[in-house]
PDB file of N, CA and C in Angstrom:
ATOM      1  N   UNK A   1       9.597   2.774  16.696  1.00  0.00           N
ATOM      2  CA  UNK A   1       9.599   1.779  15.637  1.00  0.00           C
ATOM      3  C   UNK A   1       8.231   1.093  15.611  1.00  0.00           C
ATOM      4  N   UNK A   2       7.608   1.010  14.450  1.00  0.00           N
ATOM      5  CA  UNK A   2       6.280   0.418  14.384  1.00  0.00           C
ATOM      6  C   UNK A   2       6.347  -1.052  13.984  1.00  0.00           C
ATOM      7  N   UNK A   3       5.188  -1.693  13.951  1.00  0.00           N
ATOM      8  CA  UNK A   3       5.127  -3.124  13.656  1.00  0.00           C
ATOM      9  C   UNK A   3       5.404  -3.452  12.194  1.00  0.00           C
ATOM     10  N   UNK A   4       5.575  -2.469  11.344  1.00  0.00           N
ATOM     11  CA  UNK A   4       5.852  -2.705   9.926  1.00  0.00           C
ATOM     12  C   UNK A   4       7.336  -2.523   9.600  1.00  0.00           C
ATOM     13  N   UNK A   5       8.146  -2.350  10.613  1.00  0.00           N
ATOM     14  CA  UNK A   5       9.556  -2.040  10.388  1.00  0.00           C
ATOM     15  C   UNK A   5      10.262  -3.111   9.546  1.00  0.00           C
ATOM     16  N   UNK A   6       9.972  -4.390   9.784  1.00  0.00           N
ATOM     17  CA  UNK A   6      10.605  -5.457   9.012  1.00  0.00           C
ATOM     18  C   UNK A   6      10.229  -5.362   7.533  1.00  0.00           C
ATOM     19  N   UNK A   7       8.963  -5.087   7.250  1.00  0.00           N
ATOM     20  CA  UNK A   7       8.520  -4.898   5.863  1.00  0.00           C
ATOM     21  C   UNK A   7       9.283  -3.743   5.221  1.00  0.00           C
ATOM     22  N   UNK A   8       9.411  -2.637   5.934  1.00  0.00           N
ATOM     23  CA  UNK A   8      10.105  -1.468   5.400  1.00  0.00           C
ATOM     24  C   UNK A   8      11.588  -1.765   5.166  1.00  0.00           C
ATOM     25  N   UNK A   9      12.194  -2.554   6.052  1.00  0.00           N
ATOM     26  CA  UNK A   9      13.589  -2.954   5.850  1.00  0.00           C
ATOM     27  C   UNK A   9      13.728  -3.791   4.577  1.00  0.00           C
ATOM     28  N   UNK A  10      12.774  -4.688   4.347  1.00  0.00           N
ATOM     29  CA  UNK A  10      12.806  -5.510   3.132  1.00  0.00           C
ATOM     30  C   UNK A  10      12.694  -4.647   1.882  1.00  0.00           C
ATOM     31  N   UNK A  11      11.835  -3.638   1.925  1.00  0.00           N
ATOM     32  CA  UNK A  11      11.709  -2.714   0.790  1.00  0.00           C
ATOM     33  C   UNK A  11      13.044  -2.021   0.548  1.00  0.00           C
ATOM     34  N   UNK A  12      13.675  -1.576   1.616  1.00  0.00           N
ATOM     35  CA  UNK A  12      14.965  -0.907   1.512  1.00  0.00           C
ATOM     36  C   UNK A  12      16.008  -1.811   0.867  1.00  0.00           C
ATOM     37  N   UNK A  13      16.066  -3.051   1.314  1.00  0.00           N
ATOM     38  CA  UNK A  13      17.055  -3.988   0.771  1.00  0.00           C
ATOM     39  C   UNK A  13      16.759  -4.331  -0.683  1.00  0.00           C
ATOM     40  N   UNK A  14      15.494  -4.599  -1.000  1.00  0.00           N
ATOM     41  CA  UNK A  14      15.132  -4.991  -2.365  1.00  0.00           C
ATOM     42  C   UNK A  14      15.391  -3.879  -3.379  1.00  0.00           C
ATOM     43  N   UNK A  15      15.236  -2.629  -2.955  1.00  0.00           N
ATOM     44  CA  UNK A  15      15.388  -1.490  -3.867  1.00  0.00           C
ATOM     45  C   UNK A  15      16.701  -0.735  -3.664  1.00  0.00           C
ATOM     46  N   UNK A  16      17.575  -1.240  -2.780  1.00  0.00           N
ATOM     47  CA  UNK A  16      18.881  -0.628  -2.521  1.00  0.00           C
ATOM     48  C   UNK A  16      18.756   0.844  -2.127  1.00  0.00           C
ATOM     49  N   UNK A  17      17.930   1.098  -1.118  1.00  0.00           N
ATOM     50  CA  UNK A  17      17.631   2.478  -0.732  1.00  0.00           C
ATOM     51  C   UNK A  17      18.404   2.969   0.481  1.00  0.00           C
ATOM     52  N   UNK A  18      19.143   2.108   1.137  1.00  0.00           N
ATOM     53  CA  UNK A  18      19.862   2.514   2.331  1.00  0.00           C
ATOM     54  C   UNK A  18      18.978   2.451   3.562  1.00  0.00           C
ATOM     55  N   UNK A  19      19.439   3.040   4.628  1.00  0.00           N
ATOM     56  CA  UNK A  19      18.750   2.970   5.917  1.00  0.00           C
ATOM     57  C   UNK A  19      17.420   3.722   5.891  1.00  0.00           C
ATOM     58  N   UNK A  20      16.444   3.170   6.597  1.00  0.00           N
ATOM     59  CA  UNK A  20      15.161   3.853   6.773  1.00  0.00           C
ATOM     60  C   UNK A  20      15.342   4.952   7.809  1.00  0.00           C
ATOM     61  N   UNK A  21      15.063   6.181   7.413  1.00  0.00           N
ATOM     62  CA  UNK A  21      15.213   7.317   8.314  1.00  0.00           C
ATOM     63  C   UNK A  21      13.912   7.656   9.023  1.00  0.00           C
ATOM     64  N   UNK A  22      12.790   7.564   8.301  1.00  0.00           N
ATOM     65  CA  UNK A  22      11.492   7.844   8.926  1.00  0.00           C
ATOM     66  C   UNK A  22      10.364   7.315   8.054  1.00  0.00           C
ATOM     67  N   UNK A  23       9.196   7.217   8.669  1.00  0.00           N
ATOM     68  CA  UNK A  23       7.991   6.824   7.933  1.00  0.00           C
ATOM     69  C   UNK A  23       6.846   7.711   8.386  1.00  0.00           C
ATOM     70  N   UNK A  24       5.925   7.964   7.463  1.00  0.00           N
ATOM     71  CA  UNK A  24       4.796   8.850   7.749  1.00  0.00           C
ATOM     72  C   UNK A  24       3.556   8.328   7.032  1.00  0.00           C
ATOM     73  N   UNK A  25       2.478   8.123   7.790  1.00  0.00           N
ATOM     74  CA  UNK A  25       1.213   7.742   7.169  1.00  0.00           C
ATOM     75  C   UNK A  25       0.645   8.974   6.478  1.00  0.00           C
ATOM     76  N   UNK A  26       0.404   8.859   5.176  1.00  0.00           N
ATOM     77  CA  UNK A  26      -0.170   9.958   4.405  1.00  0.00           C
ATOM     78  C   UNK A  26      -1.679   9.956   4.563  1.00  0.00           C
ATOM     79  N   UNK A  27      -2.278   8.776   4.414  1.00  0.00           N
ATOM     80  CA  UNK A  27      -3.716   8.644   4.636  1.00  0.00           C
ATOM     81  C   UNK A  27      -4.075   7.175   4.748  1.00  0.00           C
ATOM     82  N   UNK A  28      -5.203   6.918   5.370  1.00  0.00           N
ATOM     83  CA  UNK A  28      -5.721   5.559   5.470  1.00  0.00           C
ATOM     84  C   UNK A  28      -6.407   5.177   4.167  1.00  0.00           C
ATOM     85  N   UNK A  29      -6.393   3.886   3.870  1.00  0.00           N
ATOM     86  CA  UNK A  29      -7.096   3.384   2.697  1.00  0.00           C
ATOM     87  C   UNK A  29      -8.567   3.188   3.020  1.00  0.00           C
ATOM     88  N   UNK A  30      -9.337   2.979   1.982  1.00  0.00           N
ATOM     89  CA  UNK A  30     -10.775   2.780   2.034  1.00  0.00           C
ATOM     90  C   UNK A  30     -11.146   1.720   3.072  1.00  0.00           C
ATOM     91  N   UNK A  31     -12.016   2.061   3.986  1.00  0.00           N
ATOM     92  CA  UNK A  31     -12.550   1.108   4.951  1.00  0.00           C
ATOM     93  C   UNK A  31     -11.547   0.595   5.957  1.00  0.00           C
ATOM     94  N   UNK A  32     -10.442   1.296   6.159  1.00  0.00           N
ATOM     95  CA  UNK A  32      -9.447   0.838   7.116  1.00  0.00           C
ATOM     96  C   UNK A  32      -8.629  -0.342   6.626  1.00  0.00           C
ATOM     97  N   UNK A  33      -8.541  -0.517   5.322  1.00  0.00           N
ATOM     98  CA  UNK A  33      -7.836  -1.661   4.743  1.00  0.00           C
ATOM     99  C   UNK A  33      -6.360  -1.367   4.487  1.00  0.00           C
ATOM    100  N   UNK A  34      -5.761  -0.495   5.248  1.00  0.00           N
ATOM    101  CA  UNK A  34      -4.342  -0.207   5.126  1.00  0.00           C
ATOM    102  C   UNK A  34      -4.070   1.280   5.087  1.00  0.00           C
ATOM    103  N   UNK A  35      -2.874   1.619   4.619  1.00  0.00           N
ATOM    104  CA  UNK A  35      -2.427   3.007   4.612  1.00  0.00           C
ATOM    105  C   UNK A  35      -1.565   3.295   3.388  1.00  0.00           C
ATOM    106  N   UNK A  36      -1.538   4.564   2.994  1.00  0.00           N
ATOM    107  CA  UNK A  36      -0.505   5.080   2.100  1.00  0.00           C
ATOM    108  C   UNK A  36       0.575   5.633   3.017  1.00  0.00           C
ATOM    109  N   UNK A  37       1.811   5.189   2.810  1.00  0.00           N
ATOM    110  CA  UNK A  37       2.897   5.548   3.718  1.00  0.00           C
ATOM    111  C   UNK A  37       4.066   6.115   2.918  1.00  0.00           C
ATOM    112  N   UNK A  38       4.619   7.221   3.397  1.00  0.00           N
ATOM    113  CA  UNK A  38       5.854   7.768   2.820  1.00  0.00           C
ATOM    114  C   UNK A  38       7.011   7.219   3.649  1.00  0.00           C
ATOM    115  N   UNK A  39       7.931   6.537   2.973  1.00  0.00           N
ATOM    116  CA  UNK A  39       9.123   6.011   3.626  1.00  0.00           C
ATOM    117  C   UNK A  39      10.312   6.830   3.154  1.00  0.00           C
ATOM    118  N   UNK A  40      11.047   7.376   4.086  1.00  0.00           N
ATOM    119  CA  UNK A  40      12.215   8.184   3.744  1.00  0.00           C
ATOM    120  C   UNK A  40      13.460   7.379   4.091  1.00  0.00           C
ATOM    121  N   UNK A  41      14.211   7.054   3.042  1.00  0.00           N
ATOM    122  CA  UNK A  41      15.428   6.277   3.182  1.00  0.00           C
ATOM    123  C   UNK A  41      16.629   7.181   2.953  1.00  0.00           C
ATOM    124  N   UNK A  42      17.816   6.663   3.187  1.00  0.00           N
ATOM    125  CA  UNK A  42      19.038   7.445   3.012  1.00  0.00           C
ATOM    126  C   UNK A  42      19.201   7.927   1.568  1.00  0.00           C
ATOM    127  N   UNK A  43      18.812   7.094   0.589  1.00  0.00           N
ATOM    128  CA  UNK A  43      19.042   7.450  -0.813  1.00  0.00           C
ATOM    129  C   UNK A  43      17.882   8.175  -1.475  1.00  0.00           C
ATOM    130  N   UNK A  44      16.653   7.895  -1.054  1.00  0.00           N
ATOM    131  CA  UNK A  44      15.478   8.578  -1.605  1.00  0.00           C
ATOM    132  C   UNK A  44      14.252   8.171  -0.813  1.00  0.00           C
ATOM    133  N   UNK A  45      13.129   8.805  -1.127  1.00  0.00           N
ATOM    134  CA  UNK A  45      11.878   8.440  -0.458  1.00  0.00           C
ATOM    135  C   UNK A  45      10.967   7.723  -1.449  1.00  0.00           C
ATOM    136  N   UNK A  46      10.078   6.898  -0.916  1.00  0.00           N
ATOM    137  CA  UNK A  46       9.111   6.171  -1.734  1.00  0.00           C
ATOM    138  C   UNK A  46       7.751   6.236  -1.051  1.00  0.00           C
ATOM    139  N   UNK A  47       6.707   6.070  -1.850  1.00  0.00           N
ATOM    140  CA  UNK A  47       5.348   5.979  -1.328  1.00  0.00           C
ATOM    141  C   UNK A  47       4.917   4.525  -1.471  1.00  0.00           C
ATOM    142  N   UNK A  48       4.401   3.959  -0.397  1.00  0.00           N
ATOM    143  CA  UNK A  48       3.973   2.563  -0.380  1.00  0.00           C
ATOM    144  C   UNK A  48       2.484   2.509  -0.086  1.00  0.00           C
ATOM    145  N   UNK A  49       1.770   1.753  -0.888  1.00  0.00           N
ATOM    146  CA  UNK A  49       0.366   1.469  -0.593  1.00  0.00           C
ATOM    147  C   UNK A  49       0.361   0.136   0.136  1.00  0.00           C
ATOM    148  N   UNK A  50       0.178   0.189   1.438  1.00  0.00           N
ATOM    149  CA  UNK A  50       0.249  -1.001   2.276  1.00  0.00           C
ATOM    150  C   UNK A  50      -1.170  -1.450   2.607  1.00  0.00           C
ATOM    151  N   UNK A  51      -1.696  -2.349   1.773  1.00  0.00           N
ATOM    152  CA  UNK A  51      -3.046  -2.879   1.995  1.00  0.00           C
ATOM    153  C   UNK A  51      -2.957  -4.040   2.970  1.00  0.00           C
ATOM    154  N   UNK A  52      -3.855  -4.057   3.933  1.00  0.00           N
ATOM    155  CA  UNK A  52      -3.905  -5.149   4.903  1.00  0.00           C
ATOM    156  C   UNK A  52      -5.349  -5.337   5.349  1.00  0.00           C
ATOM    157  N   UNK A  53      -5.709  -6.577   5.559  1.00  0.00           N
ATOM    158  CA  UNK A  53      -7.077  -6.881   5.963  1.00  0.00           C
ATOM    159  C   UNK A  53      -7.278  -6.517   7.424  1.00  0.00           C
ATOM    160  N   UNK A  54      -8.337  -5.788   7.723  1.00  0.00           N
ATOM    161  CA  UNK A  54      -8.595  -5.435   9.120  1.00  0.00           C
ATOM    162  C   UNK A  54      -9.178  -6.622   9.877  1.00  0.00           C
ATOM    163  N   UNK A  55      -9.081  -6.540  11.189  1.00  0.00           N
ATOM    164  CA  UNK A  55      -9.725  -7.540  12.033  1.00  0.00           C
ATOM    165  C   UNK A  55     -11.230  -7.303  11.981  1.00  0.00           C
ATOM    166  N   UNK A  56     -12.015  -8.393  12.025  1.00  0.00           N
ATOM    167  CA  UNK A  56     -13.474  -8.200  12.026  1.00  0.00           C
ATOM    168  C   UNK A  56     -13.898  -7.313  13.194  1.00  0.00           C
ATOM    169  N   UNK A  57     -14.809  -6.409  12.913  1.00  0.00           N
ATOM    170  CA  UNK A  57     -15.282  -5.512  13.966  1.00  0.00           C
ATOM    171  C   UNK A  57     -16.717  -5.112  13.683  1.00  0.00           C
ATOM    172  N   UNK A  58     -17.308  -4.512  14.643  1.00  0.00           N
ATOM    173  CA  UNK A  58     -18.668  -4.011  14.491  1.00  0.00           C
ATOM    174  C   UNK A  58     -18.619  -2.591  13.949  1.00  0.00           C
ATOM    175  N   UNK A  59     -19.399  -2.323  12.951  1.00  0.00           N
ATOM    176  CA  UNK A  59     -19.504  -0.967  12.430  1.00  0.00           C
ATOM    177  C   UNK A  59     -20.874  -0.439  12.820  1.00  0.00           C
ATOM    178  N   UNK A  60     -20.963   0.783  13.328  1.00  0.00           N
ATOM    179  CA  UNK A  60     -22.246   1.306  13.805  1.00  0.00           C
ATOM    180  C   UNK A  60     -23.340   1.341  12.744  1.00  0.00           C
ATOM    181  N   UNK A  61     -22.970   1.396  11.480  1.00  0.00           N
ATOM    182  CA  UNK A  61     -23.975   1.434  10.413  1.00  0.00           C
ATOM    183  C   UNK A  61     -24.055   0.118   9.640  1.00  0.00           C
ATOM    184  N   UNK A  62     -23.368  -0.902  10.119  1.00  0.00           N
ATOM    185  CA  UNK A  62     -23.432  -2.203   9.469  1.00  0.00           C
ATOM    186  C   UNK A  62     -22.645  -2.302   8.182  1.00  0.00           C
ATOM    187  N   UNK A  63     -21.593  -1.489   8.026  1.00  0.00           N
ATOM    188  CA  UNK A  63     -20.820  -1.459   6.785  1.00  0.00           C
ATOM    189  C   UNK A  63     -19.720  -2.518   6.741  1.00  0.00           C
ATOM    190  N   UNK A  64     -19.698  -3.417   7.716  1.00  0.00           N
ATOM    191  CA  UNK A  64     -18.654  -4.431   7.734  1.00  0.00           C
ATOM    192  C   UNK A  64     -19.188  -5.796   7.303  1.00  0.00           C
ATOM    193  N   UNK A  65     -20.111  -5.807   6.362  1.00  0.00           N
ATOM    194  CA  UNK A  65     -20.699  -7.054   5.893  1.00  0.00           C
ATOM    195  C   UNK A  65     -19.707  -7.804   5.004  1.00  0.00           C
ATOM    196  N   UNK A  66     -19.972  -9.092   4.784  1.00  0.00           N
ATOM    197  CA  UNK A  66     -19.123  -9.872   3.894  1.00  0.00           C
ATOM    198  C   UNK A  66     -19.157  -9.294   2.480  1.00  0.00           C
ATOM    199  N   UNK A  67     -20.312  -8.818   2.057  1.00  0.00           N
ATOM    200  CA  UNK A  67     -20.424  -8.225   0.715  1.00  0.00           C
ATOM    201  C   UNK A  67     -19.518  -6.997   0.592  1.00  0.00           C
ATOM    202  N   UNK A  68     -19.518  -6.166   1.608  1.00  0.00           N
ATOM    203  CA  UNK A  68     -18.654  -4.984   1.621  1.00  0.00           C
ATOM    204  C   UNK A  68     -17.183  -5.401   1.570  1.00  0.00           C
ATOM    205  N   UNK A  69     -16.836  -6.396   2.360  1.00  0.00           N
ATOM    206  CA  UNK A  69     -15.461  -6.904   2.389  1.00  0.00           C
ATOM    207  C   UNK A  69     -15.060  -7.440   1.010  1.00  0.00           C
ATOM    208  N   UNK A  70     -15.922  -8.239   0.384  1.00  0.00           N
ATOM    209  CA  UNK A  70     -15.624  -8.809  -0.929  1.00  0.00           C
ATOM    210  C   UNK A  70     -15.480  -7.720  -1.995  1.00  0.00           C
ATOM    211  N   UNK A  71     -16.289  -6.670  -1.902  1.00  0.00           N
ATOM    212  CA  UNK A  71     -16.200  -5.557  -2.849  1.00  0.00           C
ATOM    213  C   UNK A  71     -14.837  -4.863  -2.732  1.00  0.00           C
ATOM    214  N   UNK A  72     -14.377  -4.656  -1.503  1.00  0.00           N
ATOM    215  CA  UNK A  72     -13.067  -4.028  -1.304  1.00  0.00           C
ATOM    216  C   UNK A  72     -11.956  -4.930  -1.834  1.00  0.00           C
ATOM    217  N   UNK A  73     -12.030  -6.226  -1.533  1.00  0.00           N
ATOM    218  CA  UNK A  73     -11.014  -7.152  -2.028  1.00  0.00           C
ATOM    219  C   UNK A  73     -10.971  -7.153  -3.555  1.00  0.00           C
ATOM    220  N   UNK A  74     -12.133  -7.165  -4.186  1.00  0.00           N
ATOM    221  CA  UNK A  74     -12.190  -7.154  -5.652  1.00  0.00           C
ATOM    222  C   UNK A  74     -11.561  -5.871  -6.205  1.00  0.00           C
ATOM    223  N   UNK A  75     -11.829  -4.761  -5.562  1.00  0.00           N
ATOM    224  CA  UNK A  75     -11.256  -3.491  -5.999  1.00  0.00           C
ATOM    225  C   UNK A  75      -9.728  -3.544  -5.965  1.00  0.00           C
ATOM    226  N   UNK A  76      -9.163  -4.088  -4.892  1.00  0.00           N
ATOM    227  CA  UNK A  76      -7.707  -4.195  -4.794  1.00  0.00           C
ATOM    228  C   UNK A  76      -7.161  -5.194  -5.811  1.00  0.00           C
ATOM    229  N   UNK A  77      -7.889  -6.285  -6.085  1.00  0.00           N
ATOM    230  CA  UNK A  77      -7.452  -7.259  -7.084  1.00  0.00           C
ATOM    231  C   UNK A  77      -7.431  -6.636  -8.478  1.00  0.00           C
ATOM    232  N   UNK A  78      -8.416  -5.818  -8.788  1.00  0.00           N
ATOM    233  CA  UNK A  78      -8.448  -5.115 -10.078  1.00  0.00           C
ATOM    234  C   UNK A  78      -7.239  -4.187 -10.192  1.00  0.00           C
ATOM    235  N   UNK A  79      -6.931  -3.481  -9.131  1.00  0.00           N
ATOM    236  CA  UNK A  79      -5.785  -2.574  -9.145  1.00  0.00           C
ATOM    237  C   UNK A  79      -4.480  -3.338  -9.350  1.00  0.00           C
ATOM    238  N   UNK A  80      -4.292  -4.427  -8.627  1.00  0.00           N
ATOM    239  CA  UNK A  80      -3.079  -5.237  -8.776  1.00  0.00           C
ATOM    240  C   UNK A  80      -2.968  -5.761 -10.203  1.00  0.00           C
ATOM    241  N   UNK A  81      -4.073  -6.204 -10.765  1.00  0.00           N
ATOM    242  CA  UNK A  81      -4.084  -6.707 -12.139  1.00  0.00           C
ATOM    243  C   UNK A  81      -3.687  -5.611 -13.123  1.00  0.00           C
ATOM    244  N   UNK A  82      -4.183  -4.403 -12.915  1.00  0.00           N
ATOM    245  CA  UNK A  82      -3.836  -3.297 -13.806  1.00  0.00           C
ATOM    246  C   UNK A  82      -2.332  -3.060 -13.788  1.00  0.00           C
ATOM    247  N   UNK A  83      -1.755  -2.981 -12.588  1.00  0.00           N
ATOM    248  CA  UNK A  83      -0.311  -2.745 -12.504  1.00  0.00           C
ATOM    249  C   UNK A  83       0.473  -3.890 -13.133  1.00  0.00           C
ATOM    250  N   UNK A  84       0.003  -5.123 -12.961  1.00  0.00           N
ATOM    251  CA  UNK A  84       0.717  -6.281 -13.502  1.00  0.00           C
ATOM    252  C   UNK A  84       0.656  -6.336 -15.026  1.00  0.00           C
ATOM    253  N   UNK A  85      -0.460  -5.905 -15.622  1.00  0.00           N
ATOM    254  CA  UNK A  85      -0.649  -6.102 -17.055  1.00  0.00           C
ATOM    255  C   UNK A  85      -0.573  -4.843 -17.922  1.00  0.00           C
ATOM    256  N   UNK A  86      -0.860  -3.681 -17.365  1.00  0.00           N
ATOM    257  CA  UNK A  86      -0.974  -2.494 -18.205  1.00  0.00           C
ATOM    258  C   UNK A  86       0.012  -1.374 -17.887  1.00  0.00           C
ATOM    259  N   UNK A  87       0.553  -1.347 -16.680  1.00  0.00           N
ATOM    260  CA  UNK A  87       1.434  -0.228 -16.335  1.00  0.00           C
ATOM    261  C   UNK A  87       2.692  -0.209 -17.197  1.00  0.00           C
ATOM    262  N   UNK A  88       3.133  -1.364 -17.662  1.00  0.00           N
ATOM    263  CA  UNK A  88       4.339  -1.439 -18.486  1.00  0.00           C
ATOM    264  C   UNK A  88       4.186  -0.881 -19.885  1.00  0.00           C
ATOM    265  N   UNK A  89       2.962  -0.656 -20.330  1.00  0.00           N
ATOM    266  CA  UNK A  89       2.760  -0.136 -21.684  1.00  0.00           C
ATOM    267  C   UNK A  89       2.519   1.375 -21.705  1.00  0.00           C
ATOM    268  N   UNK A  90       2.601   2.016 -20.558  1.00  0.00           N
ATOM    269  CA  UNK A  90       2.428   3.466 -20.482  1.00  0.00           C
ATOM    270  C   UNK A  90       3.671   4.157 -21.036  1.00  0.00           C
ATOM    271  N   UNK A  91       3.494   5.325 -21.626  1.00  0.00           N
ATOM    272  CA  UNK A  91       4.661   6.046 -22.127  1.00  0.00           C
ATOM    273  C   UNK A  91       5.418   6.679 -20.959  1.00  0.00           C
ATOM    274  N   UNK A  92       6.581   7.203 -21.244  1.00  0.00           N
ATOM    275  CA  UNK A  92       7.464   7.703 -20.186  1.00  0.00           C
ATOM    276  C   UNK A  92       6.903   8.913 -19.445  1.00  0.00           C
ATOM    277  N   UNK A  93       5.896   9.565 -19.992  1.00  0.00           N
ATOM    278  CA  UNK A  93       5.297  10.722 -19.327  1.00  0.00           C
ATOM    279  C   UNK A  93       4.268  10.319 -18.274  1.00  0.00           C
ATOM    280  N   UNK A  94       3.864   9.071 -18.293  1.00  0.00           N
ATOM    281  CA  UNK A  94       2.885   8.569 -17.324  1.00  0.00           C
ATOM    282  C   UNK A  94       3.637   7.833 -16.223  1.00  0.00           C
ATOM    283  N   UNK A  95       3.740   8.453 -15.060  1.00  0.00           N
ATOM    284  CA  UNK A  95       4.489   7.847 -13.962  1.00  0.00           C
ATOM    285  C   UNK A  95       3.631   6.806 -13.263  1.00  0.00           C
ATOM    286  N   UNK A  96       4.174   5.628 -13.127  1.00  0.00           N
ATOM    287  CA  UNK A  96       3.481   4.540 -12.436  1.00  0.00           C
ATOM    288  C   UNK A  96       4.432   3.936 -11.406  1.00  0.00           C
ATOM    289  N   UNK A  97       3.882   3.307 -10.371  1.00  0.00           N
ATOM    290  CA  UNK A  97       4.730   2.700  -9.336  1.00  0.00           C
ATOM    291  C   UNK A  97       5.677   1.655  -9.918  1.00  0.00           C
ATOM    292  N   UNK A  98       6.832   1.560  -9.324  1.00  0.00           N
ATOM    293  CA  UNK A  98       7.849   0.586  -9.711  1.00  0.00           C
ATOM    294  C   UNK A  98       8.153  -0.304  -8.513  1.00  0.00           C
ATOM    295  N   UNK A  99       8.732  -1.447  -8.796  1.00  0.00           N
ATOM    296  CA  UNK A  99       9.212  -2.300  -7.708  1.00  0.00           C
ATOM    297  C   UNK A  99       8.405  -3.520  -7.473  1.00  0.00           C
TER     298      UNK A  99
END
């Protein structure tokens, strides 16, 4: 059981998916800012983009600057804004995340 189990349980309850059977990291997000995770529940599976801020660390090439961090945050804010304002106007052939 990983440290995100409570979050995954909440997803299960909110979406009525049944028990969590397994989870699998599909890939890490840009700059270590989270993961794409496949969650397999009793009723169906879902893909979750779990963005999380990393702990400050030293990068051998100096890529952990505040400017780099702010650029990543802005990118995620733009994505959240798109889903909040534009995903609902897509036609039924364009699959977008729900929930």
